[in-house]
């Protein structure tokens, strides 16, 4: 008999939606009844939501940004805590067997309020373990650990770092087709359009497919501006030789699965993205620019192809683990997933140890740059 699951998705970043779409689809296929709450983004800015039905959109909590930097005071000013707690209080949780939260704060607190088992799935939950951290900020550390608390945590990362965390949940991506060697996918949602235009205009020998918050496509010579649509985005990813993006987790994971070269620009003042950038460089999986830097883009364009990491069907592994109803220790789940991961032997994880192929988490060990559990 399937479980009745309340599933929360943080809508601020597309990575949460992409990852949750795969897990929700798998849970439904396995016979579970899943209803979804999406928070942190207006309903009119959500797309490709059919897999989540039935779902509701609530305001929740989100973060304000401007010109590629986190804005703490604007974030605090924009919070509607009265509505947030009202939505928690009014949710009918009768009959719910399990709450799953992809860093979504309303469902996490519904689980606490009704004493329901809760599983947190997402990259942010990896920060409960010893992984590379950069730009450490006590307030950001507190938010990462308390924004959407869950008793059982499935943290996701590009490498195990010797911890019981999982590989990324990567959707089925377009295979084959012609890769255009002078075509680059650009996804910088936290940057201003004019700043992106100024950065890329000088590189007229390249085609940039720039996906942003637009109403319609616009071509400006070698700059091809496109609205955010999942199918078109995945096609552009498959055809491009590389990706320029912020240092979020999911798009970099998809690029690694396809072997694309990666250049990331972390969101300023955001510890998670700064830590992601550090992990990419420690692992030798991507390049970093800390500001929109034309020289960094020029060097990136000259680089040969990227590194390919073959991650397994993590969503299927997670769904089977959830169905087993034994959620206390994810170590065996993590080990099975990493056993099926083909990781490049040339990549160097934190601590300077070369990875194996396949990659299996070590019993212990992490660099001094990592924060304790």
Protein backbone atom coordinates (compact mmCIF):
# COMPACT_ATOMS: atom_id res chain seq x y z
CA UNK A 1 0.00 0.00 0.00
CA UNK A 2 1.37 3.38 -0.97
CA UNK A 3 2.10 6.24 1.40
CA UNK A 4 0.16 9.51 1.56
CA UNK A 5 2.87 12.11 1.15
CA UNK A 6 2.85 15.89 1.53
CA UNK A 7 5.74 17.17 -0.60
CA UNK A 8 7.11 20.72 -0.27
CA UNK A 9 9.20 22.42 -2.95
CA UNK A 10 11.10 25.67 -2.50
CA UNK A 11 10.31 27.56 -5.69
CA UNK A 12 12.98 30.25 -5.45
CA UNK A 13 15.46 28.30 -7.56
CA UNK A 14 14.67 26.16 -10.60
CA UNK A 15 16.95 23.44 -9.24
CA UNK A 16 14.49 22.59 -6.47
CA UNK A 17 11.70 22.23 -9.03
CA UNK A 18 13.80 20.17 -11.43
CA UNK A 19 14.95 17.74 -8.74
CA UNK A 20 11.54 17.44 -7.08
CA UNK A 21 9.83 16.88 -10.42
CA UNK A 22 11.83 13.69 -10.88
CA UNK A 23 11.26 12.39 -7.36
CA UNK A 24 7.53 13.20 -7.33
CA UNK A 25 7.09 11.49 -10.70
CA UNK A 26 8.87 8.39 -9.41
CA UNK A 27 6.86 8.30 -6.16
CA UNK A 28 3.60 8.50 -8.09
CA UNK A 29 4.72 5.71 -10.42
CA UNK A 30 5.40 3.57 -7.35
CA UNK A 31 1.82 4.00 -6.16
CA UNK A 32 2.19 6.71 -3.53
CA UNK A 33 -0.38 9.49 -3.20
CA UNK A 34 1.50 12.80 -3.41
CA UNK A 35 0.18 16.31 -2.98
CA UNK A 36 2.55 19.22 -3.38
CA UNK A 37 3.04 22.68 -1.90
CA UNK A 38 5.32 25.06 -3.81
CA UNK A 39 6.37 28.26 -2.06
CA UNK A 40 8.74 31.15 -2.62
CA UNK A 41 7.72 32.13 -6.16
CA UNK A 42 4.52 33.59 -7.68
CA UNK A 43 2.39 31.07 -9.57
CA UNK A 44 2.70 33.02 -12.83
CA UNK A 45 6.49 32.50 -12.79
CA UNK A 46 6.27 28.71 -12.50
CA UNK A 47 6.48 26.55 -15.62
CA UNK A 48 6.21 22.88 -16.60
CA UNK A 49 4.24 22.03 -13.46
CA UNK A 50 2.09 19.15 -14.74
CA UNK A 51 4.13 16.51 -12.88
CA UNK A 52 3.28 18.16 -9.54
CA UNK A 53 -0.50 18.05 -9.82
CA UNK A 54 -2.29 18.34 -7.50
CA UNK A 55 -0.27 21.25 -6.14
CA UNK A 56 -0.81 24.56 -4.39
CA UNK A 57 1.32 27.70 -4.50
CA UNK A 58 1.88 29.64 -1.26
CA UNK A 59 4.02 32.74 -0.61
CA UNK A 60 6.32 31.05 1.91
CA UNK A 61 9.74 32.62 2.44
CA UNK A 62 12.20 33.70 -0.23
CA UNK A 63 15.38 35.73 -0.68
CA UNK A 64 15.77 39.11 -2.37
CA UNK A 65 18.69 39.71 -4.73
CA UNK A 66 19.98 42.63 -6.78
CA UNK A 67 22.69 42.60 -9.45
CA UNK A 68 24.04 39.23 -8.43
CA UNK A 69 24.14 39.78 -4.68
CA UNK A 70 21.93 38.63 -1.82
CA UNK A 71 20.06 41.54 -0.19
CA UNK A 72 19.55 40.64 3.50
CA UNK A 73 17.60 43.75 4.49
CA UNK A 74 15.29 43.57 1.47
CA UNK A 75 14.80 39.89 2.26
CA UNK A 76 13.74 40.67 5.83
CA UNK A 77 11.53 43.56 4.71
CA UNK A 78 9.71 41.31 2.26
CA UNK A 79 8.82 38.58 4.75
CA UNK A 80 5.15 38.10 5.57
CA UNK A 81 5.50 36.04 8.73
CA UNK A 82 1.82 36.37 9.68
CA UNK A 83 0.78 34.69 6.40
CA UNK A 84 3.60 32.17 6.71
CA UNK A 85 2.46 30.91 10.13
CA UNK A 86 -1.20 31.07 9.13
CA UNK A 87 -0.51 28.73 6.20
CA UNK A 88 1.23 26.31 8.57
CA UNK A 89 -1.61 26.44 11.09
CA UNK A 90 -4.43 26.00 8.56
CA UNK A 91 -2.97 23.07 6.62
CA UNK A 92 -5.07 19.93 7.05
CA UNK A 93 -2.51 17.18 7.70
CA UNK A 94 -5.00 14.45 8.57
CA UNK A 95 -4.13 11.22 6.84
CA UNK A 96 -0.58 12.29 5.91
CA UNK A 97 1.92 9.48 6.47
CA UNK A 98 5.08 11.35 5.52
CA UNK A 99 6.27 14.89 4.77
CA UNK A 100 9.08 15.40 2.26
CA UNK A 101 10.61 18.85 1.96
CA UNK A 102 13.00 20.07 -0.71
CA UNK A 103 14.16 22.93 1.51
CA UNK A 104 10.57 24.17 1.69
CA UNK A 105 9.84 25.79 5.08
CA UNK A 106 6.03 25.51 5.31
CA UNK A 107 5.84 21.73 4.94
CA UNK A 108 8.85 21.31 7.25
CA UNK A 109 6.97 23.12 10.00
CA UNK A 110 3.70 21.33 9.27
CA UNK A 111 5.60 18.12 10.04
CA UNK A 112 6.87 19.60 13.31
CA UNK A 113 3.45 20.90 14.29
CA UNK A 114 1.71 17.55 13.68
CA UNK A 115 4.65 15.35 14.76
CA UNK A 116 4.86 13.71 11.36
CA UNK A 117 7.99 11.99 10.03
CA UNK A 118 9.83 14.35 7.69
CA UNK A 119 12.54 13.74 5.12
CA UNK A 120 14.58 16.65 3.80
CA UNK A 121 15.96 16.09 0.29
CA UNK A 122 18.29 18.59 -1.31
CA UNK A 123 21.72 20.07 -1.65
CA UNK A 124 21.24 22.27 1.42
CA UNK A 125 20.98 19.21 3.67
CA UNK A 126 24.54 18.24 2.71
CA UNK A 127 25.67 21.15 4.89
CA UNK A 128 24.78 19.07 7.95
CA UNK A 129 27.88 17.01 7.10
CA UNK A 130 31.57 17.71 6.60
CA UNK A 131 31.75 19.21 3.12
CA UNK A 132 33.78 22.13 1.68
CA UNK A 133 32.51 25.50 2.93
CA UNK A 134 33.50 28.97 1.79
CA UNK A 135 32.37 32.42 2.87
CA UNK A 136 31.33 31.13 6.28
CA UNK A 137 28.70 33.34 7.89
CA UNK A 138 27.07 32.37 11.22
CA UNK A 139 23.69 33.75 10.15
CA UNK A 140 23.81 31.95 6.78
CA UNK A 141 24.88 28.77 8.58
CA UNK A 142 21.89 29.09 10.91
CA UNK A 143 19.52 29.64 7.97
CA UNK A 144 20.87 26.62 6.07
CA UNK A 145 20.28 24.38 9.06
CA UNK A 146 16.98 25.82 10.34
CA UNK A 147 15.16 27.20 7.27
CA UNK A 148 13.46 23.86 6.51
CA UNK A 149 14.36 21.40 9.28
CA UNK A 150 13.72 17.68 8.87
CA UNK A 151 14.47 14.75 11.14
CA UNK A 152 15.75 12.59 8.28
CA UNK A 153 18.08 14.27 5.78
CA UNK A 154 19.24 13.25 2.31
CA UNK A 155 21.95 15.71 1.40
CA UNK A 156 23.07 15.84 -2.24
CA UNK A 157 26.48 16.82 -3.63
CA UNK A 158 28.80 16.23 -6.58
CA UNK A 159 31.13 14.07 -4.47
CA UNK A 160 30.64 12.06 -1.29
CA UNK A 161 33.52 13.78 0.58
CA UNK A 162 33.52 10.65 2.74
CA UNK A 163 30.05 11.45 4.08
CA UNK A 164 26.66 9.63 3.87
CA UNK A 165 25.31 12.06 1.28
CA UNK A 166 23.95 11.23 -2.19
CA UNK A 167 24.85 12.15 -5.76
CA UNK A 168 22.66 14.73 -7.52
CA UNK A 169 19.17 13.90 -8.75
CA UNK A 170 19.61 14.51 -12.48
CA UNK A 171 16.61 14.28 -14.83
CA UNK A 172 16.71 12.33 -18.05
CA UNK A 173 18.57 14.64 -20.41
CA UNK A 174 18.51 14.83 -24.22
CA UNK A 175 21.04 12.38 -25.64
CA UNK A 176 22.95 12.49 -28.88
CA UNK A 177 22.50 15.29 -31.38
CA UNK A 178 25.03 17.76 -32.62
CA UNK A 179 27.04 19.72 -30.04
CA UNK A 180 27.84 23.18 -31.37
CA UNK A 181 31.41 23.85 -30.29
CA UNK A 182 31.04 27.64 -30.32
CA UNK A 183 27.66 27.74 -28.58
CA UNK A 184 27.36 28.47 -24.84
CA UNK A 185 24.29 28.24 -22.61
CA UNK A 186 24.01 31.19 -20.21
CA UNK A 187 21.76 31.10 -17.16
CA UNK A 188 22.41 33.99 -14.77
CA UNK A 189 18.96 34.65 -13.25
CA UNK A 190 20.29 36.84 -10.43
CA UNK A 191 22.16 39.18 -12.78
CA UNK A 192 20.69 42.15 -14.63
CA UNK A 193 20.09 41.74 -18.36
CA UNK A 194 22.16 44.81 -19.21
CA UNK A 195 25.10 43.51 -17.17
CA UNK A 196 24.96 40.18 -19.03
CA UNK A 197 24.76 41.98 -22.38
CA UNK A 198 27.82 44.08 -21.51
CA UNK A 199 29.76 40.97 -20.44
CA UNK A 200 29.11 38.90 -23.58
CA UNK A 201 28.83 41.50 -26.34
CA UNK A 202 32.59 41.50 -27.14
CA UNK A 203 32.68 37.77 -27.98
CA UNK A 204 31.03 38.01 -31.38
CA UNK A 205 32.60 34.76 -32.63
CA UNK A 206 30.46 32.76 -30.22
CA UNK A 207 26.74 32.15 -29.94
CA UNK A 208 25.29 32.65 -26.46
CA UNK A 209 21.86 31.23 -25.66
CA UNK A 210 20.81 33.33 -22.70
CA UNK A 211 17.80 32.11 -20.70
CA UNK A 212 16.30 34.75 -18.43
CA UNK A 213 12.99 36.08 -17.14
CA UNK A 214 11.65 37.22 -20.52
CA UNK A 215 8.24 37.25 -22.16
CA UNK A 216 9.46 36.31 -25.66
CA UNK A 217 12.64 35.38 -27.53
CA UNK A 218 14.88 38.18 -28.82
CA UNK A 219 17.95 37.84 -31.06
CA UNK A 220 20.68 40.46 -30.88
CA UNK A 221 23.30 39.10 -33.25
CA UNK A 222 25.28 36.45 -31.36
CA UNK A 223 23.21 37.02 -28.21
CA UNK A 224 20.09 34.82 -28.35
CA UNK A 225 17.76 35.75 -25.47
CA UNK A 226 15.19 33.12 -24.53
CA UNK A 227 12.38 32.88 -21.92
CA UNK A 228 12.54 30.17 -19.28
CA UNK A 229 10.95 27.02 -20.69
CA UNK A 230 12.22 23.64 -19.53
CA UNK A 231 12.13 21.81 -22.89
CA UNK A 232 13.94 24.59 -24.75
CA UNK A 233 16.41 24.98 -21.93
CA UNK A 234 17.34 21.28 -22.00
CA UNK A 235 17.76 21.35 -25.77
CA UNK A 236 20.09 24.34 -25.48
CA UNK A 237 22.05 22.53 -22.75
CA UNK A 238 22.46 19.42 -24.90
CA UNK A 239 23.63 21.39 -27.95
CA UNK A 240 26.00 23.76 -26.11
CA UNK A 241 29.69 23.17 -25.52
CA UNK A 242 29.60 24.82 -22.10
CA UNK A 243 27.57 26.60 -19.45
CA UNK A 244 27.97 29.99 -17.77
CA UNK A 245 25.74 30.18 -14.72
CA UNK A 246 25.46 31.16 -11.10
CA UNK A 247 26.85 28.65 -8.62
CA UNK A 248 23.59 26.85 -7.97
CA UNK A 249 23.58 23.08 -7.71
CA UNK A 250 21.18 21.53 -10.20
CA UNK A 251 22.27 23.05 -13.53
CA UNK A 252 25.92 22.31 -12.75
CA UNK A 253 24.89 18.71 -12.00
CA UNK A 254 23.13 18.42 -15.36
CA UNK A 255 26.14 19.94 -17.13
CA UNK A 256 28.46 17.43 -15.44
CA UNK A 257 26.22 14.55 -16.49
CA UNK A 258 26.58 15.71 -20.11
CA UNK A 259 30.29 16.56 -19.87
CA UNK A 260 29.91 20.30 -20.48
CA UNK A 261 32.57 22.75 -19.37
CA UNK A 262 31.33 25.02 -16.58
CA UNK A 263 31.99 28.61 -15.51
CA UNK A 264 30.13 29.77 -12.40
CA UNK A 265 29.65 33.19 -10.86
CA UNK A 266 28.51 32.74 -7.23
CA UNK A 267 25.71 34.88 -5.89
CA UNK A 268 27.52 37.48 -3.79
CA UNK A 269 27.02 37.09 -0.04
CA UNK A 270 25.42 33.65 -0.38
CA UNK A 271 27.40 31.03 1.52
CA UNK A 272 25.85 28.07 -0.28
CA UNK A 273 26.86 29.32 -3.73
CA UNK A 274 30.33 30.35 -2.55
CA UNK A 275 30.74 26.83 -1.13
CA UNK A 276 29.54 25.29 -4.40
CA UNK A 277 32.15 27.29 -6.29
CA UNK A 278 34.84 26.09 -3.91
CA UNK A 279 33.74 22.46 -4.32
CA UNK A 280 33.84 22.72 -8.12
CA UNK A 281 37.40 24.01 -8.06
CA UNK A 282 38.54 21.47 -5.44
CA UNK A 283 37.15 18.67 -7.57
CA UNK A 284 38.52 20.09 -10.81
CA UNK A 285 35.03 20.13 -12.32
CA UNK A 286 34.59 23.79 -13.23
CA UNK A 287 35.91 27.36 -13.26
CA UNK A 288 34.86 30.29 -11.07
CA UNK A 289 34.61 34.06 -11.53
CA UNK A 290 33.66 36.08 -8.45
CA UNK A 291 32.27 38.94 -10.57
CA UNK A 292 31.13 39.31 -14.17
CA UNK A 293 34.60 39.30 -15.64
CA UNK A 294 35.27 39.39 -19.37
CA UNK A 295 38.79 38.04 -18.95
CA UNK A 296 37.45 35.01 -17.09
CA UNK A 297 34.92 34.42 -19.87
CA UNK A 298 37.65 34.69 -22.51
CA UNK A 299 39.81 32.11 -20.71
CA UNK A 300 36.78 29.83 -20.28
CA UNK A 301 35.92 29.98 -23.98
CA UNK A 302 39.47 28.90 -24.87
CA UNK A 303 39.29 25.86 -22.60
CA UNK A 304 38.68 22.41 -24.13
CA UNK A 305 35.65 20.31 -23.20
CA UNK A 306 34.48 19.70 -19.66
CA UNK A 307 34.57 16.73 -17.29
CA UNK A 308 31.84 14.10 -17.44
CA UNK A 309 30.46 12.44 -14.31
CA UNK A 310 27.98 9.61 -14.82
CA UNK A 311 25.48 9.74 -11.98
CA UNK A 312 22.90 6.94 -11.52
CA UNK A 313 19.11 7.23 -11.31
CA UNK A 314 19.18 8.68 -7.80
CA UNK A 315 15.45 9.47 -7.84
CA UNK A 316 14.69 5.75 -8.25
CA UNK A 317 17.04 4.86 -5.39
CA UNK A 318 15.39 7.47 -3.15
CA UNK A 319 11.87 6.27 -4.00
CA UNK A 320 12.76 2.67 -3.10
CA UNK A 321 14.37 3.85 0.15
CA UNK A 322 11.26 5.86 1.05
CA UNK A 323 8.99 2.87 0.34
CA UNK A 324 11.07 0.79 2.76
CA UNK A 325 9.97 3.07 5.65
CA UNK A 326 13.37 2.72 7.36
CA UNK A 327 14.67 6.25 7.24
CA UNK A 328 17.02 6.60 10.20
CA UNK A 329 20.34 5.99 8.46
CA UNK A 330 20.98 6.87 4.78
CA UNK A 331 24.50 5.36 4.74
CA UNK A 332 23.54 2.21 2.80
CA UNK A 333 21.50 4.27 0.34
CA UNK A 334 24.46 6.60 -0.19
CA UNK A 335 26.86 3.71 -0.69
CA UNK A 336 24.64 2.08 -3.33
CA UNK A 337 24.34 5.35 -5.24
CA UNK A 338 28.07 6.09 -5.24
CA UNK A 339 28.88 2.52 -6.26
CA UNK A 340 26.98 3.26 -9.48
CA UNK A 341 28.65 6.65 -10.04
CA UNK A 342 31.47 6.85 -12.57
CA UNK A 343 33.64 9.73 -11.43
CA UNK A 344 36.72 10.98 -13.32
CA UNK A 345 39.91 9.72 -11.73
CA UNK A 346 41.65 13.03 -12.44
CA UNK A 347 39.30 15.01 -10.18
CA UNK A 348 40.74 15.74 -6.75
CA UNK A 349 38.30 15.94 -3.81
CA UNK A 350 38.82 17.95 -0.64
CA UNK A 351 41.86 16.71 1.23
CA UNK A 352 43.83 16.04 -1.97
CA UNK A 353 42.88 12.36 -2.38
CA UNK A 354 42.19 11.19 -5.91
CA UNK A 355 38.79 9.67 -6.40
CA UNK A 356 38.16 6.09 -7.51
CA UNK A 357 36.04 4.79 -10.31
CA UNK A 358 33.38 3.88 -9.29
CA UNK A 359 33.22 6.31 -6.35
CA UNK A 360 32.40 4.85 -2.92
CA UNK A 361 32.36 7.08 0.20
CA UNK A 362 35.26 6.60 2.58
CA UNK A 363 34.68 5.85 6.23
CA UNK A 364 36.01 9.23 7.28
CA UNK A 365 38.13 12.11 6.22
CA UNK A 366 37.57 15.60 4.97
CA UNK A 367 39.62 18.70 4.66
CA UNK A 368 40.02 21.37 7.39
CA UNK A 369 37.94 23.64 5.14
CA UNK A 370 34.86 21.59 5.97
CA UNK A 371 32.43 22.43 8.75
CA UNK A 372 31.55 19.74 11.33
CA UNK A 373 28.24 18.01 11.58
